[in-house]
Amino acid sequence: MLDQGICAEVKVGSEHLRLFSEQNAQGVQASVYNVNAKKWIAPSESVENIEQGKLKAATYAAAYLRQVANLELPPLKWKESRAAY
């Protein structure tokens, strides 16, 4: 169950990624999802806090975009993730 978190959506070239930094029952985690391929590029990885999760997710996304499409990560607009009510 999600306690709090943020996400960012990246659409550049033909790539479509979702970046997450979220706190849940397992702690704070960062992850990156490839929407087109319907698979995780970076599955949930533990981090110290939401801000570190943002940095970790952005680092993974940037490396992925450089490697597979020779693209740069555009500026990210983070927004509140789905929340448990």
Protein backbone atom coordinates (compact mmCIF):
# COMPACT_ATOMS: atom_id res chain seq x y z
CA MET A 1 0.00 0.00 0.00
CA LEU A 2 1.38 3.37 -1.01
CA ASP A 3 1.86 5.91 1.78
CA GLN A 4 3.18 8.79 -0.32
CA GLY A 5 5.13 9.32 -3.48
CA ILE A 6 5.75 11.18 -6.67
CA CYS A 7 6.02 10.24 -10.32
CA ALA A 8 7.14 11.77 -13.61
CA GLU A 9 6.23 10.83 -17.15
CA VAL A 10 8.76 11.04 -19.98
CA LYS A 11 7.84 10.99 -23.67
CA VAL A 12 10.81 11.58 -25.93
CA GLY A 13 11.26 10.19 -29.42
CA SER A 14 9.39 6.90 -29.47
CA GLU A 15 10.18 6.24 -25.80
CA HIS A 16 7.58 6.50 -23.02
CA LEU A 17 8.77 6.04 -19.43
CA ARG A 18 7.25 6.50 -15.98
CA LEU A 19 9.54 7.29 -13.06
CA PHE A 20 8.50 6.68 -9.46
CA SER A 21 9.78 7.59 -6.00
CA GLU A 22 7.39 6.20 -3.44
CA GLN A 23 7.08 5.24 0.20
CA ASN A 24 5.18 2.03 0.90
CA ALA A 25 5.20 -0.86 3.38
CA GLN A 26 8.68 -1.90 2.18
CA GLY A 27 10.13 1.58 2.71
CA VAL A 28 11.06 4.27 0.19
CA GLN A 29 11.71 2.92 -3.30
CA ALA A 30 12.62 4.24 -6.74
CA SER A 31 11.66 2.58 -10.03
CA VAL A 32 11.35 3.21 -13.78
CA TYR A 33 8.70 1.62 -16.02
CA ASN A 34 8.80 1.38 -19.83
CA VAL A 35 5.20 1.98 -20.90
CA ASN A 36 5.70 0.85 -24.52
CA ALA A 37 7.39 -2.44 -23.61
CA LYS A 38 5.20 -2.93 -20.51
CA LYS A 39 8.19 -3.87 -18.36
CA TRP A 40 10.32 -2.43 -15.59
CA ILE A 41 13.63 -0.88 -16.62
CA ALA A 42 14.57 -0.46 -12.98
CA PRO A 43 12.38 -2.43 -10.57
CA SER A 44 11.83 -1.09 -7.08
CA GLU A 45 15.11 -0.24 -5.38
CA SER A 46 15.38 0.93 -1.79
CA VAL A 47 16.50 4.51 -1.22
CA GLU A 48 16.81 6.75 1.85
CA ASN A 49 14.07 9.26 1.00
CA ILE A 50 11.78 10.55 -1.75
CA GLU A 51 14.38 13.06 -3.00
CA GLN A 52 17.04 10.37 -3.34
CA GLY A 53 14.45 8.23 -5.15
CA LYS A 54 13.84 11.03 -7.65
CA LEU A 55 17.56 11.25 -8.38
CA LYS A 56 17.96 7.46 -8.66
CA ALA A 57 14.97 7.08 -11.01
CA ALA A 58 16.14 9.99 -13.18
CA THR A 59 19.65 8.49 -13.37
CA TYR A 60 18.29 5.12 -14.53
CA ALA A 61 15.96 6.75 -17.06
CA ALA A 62 18.71 8.95 -18.48
CA ALA A 63 21.08 5.98 -18.87
CA TYR A 64 18.35 3.92 -20.54
CA LEU A 65 17.47 6.68 -23.01
CA ARG A 66 21.14 7.23 -23.91
CA GLN A 67 21.78 3.53 -24.39
CA VAL A 68 18.71 2.48 -26.41
CA ALA A 69 17.83 5.62 -28.35
CA ASN A 70 20.75 8.07 -28.01
CA LEU A 71 18.31 10.55 -26.43
CA GLU A 72 18.70 12.94 -23.53
CA LEU A 73 16.34 12.95 -20.55
CA PRO A 74 14.16 16.07 -20.79
CA PRO A 75 13.42 18.20 -17.70
CA LEU A 76 11.15 16.26 -15.38
CA LYS A 77 7.84 17.44 -13.97
CA TRP A 78 7.17 15.46 -10.81
CA LYS A 79 3.62 15.11 -9.52
CA GLU A 80 1.95 13.30 -6.68
CA SER A 81 1.60 9.55 -7.25
CA ARG A 82 -1.50 7.52 -6.66
CA ALA A 83 -2.18 7.53 -2.94
CA ALA A 84 -3.82 5.08 -0.58
CA TYR A 85 -6.96 6.44 1.04
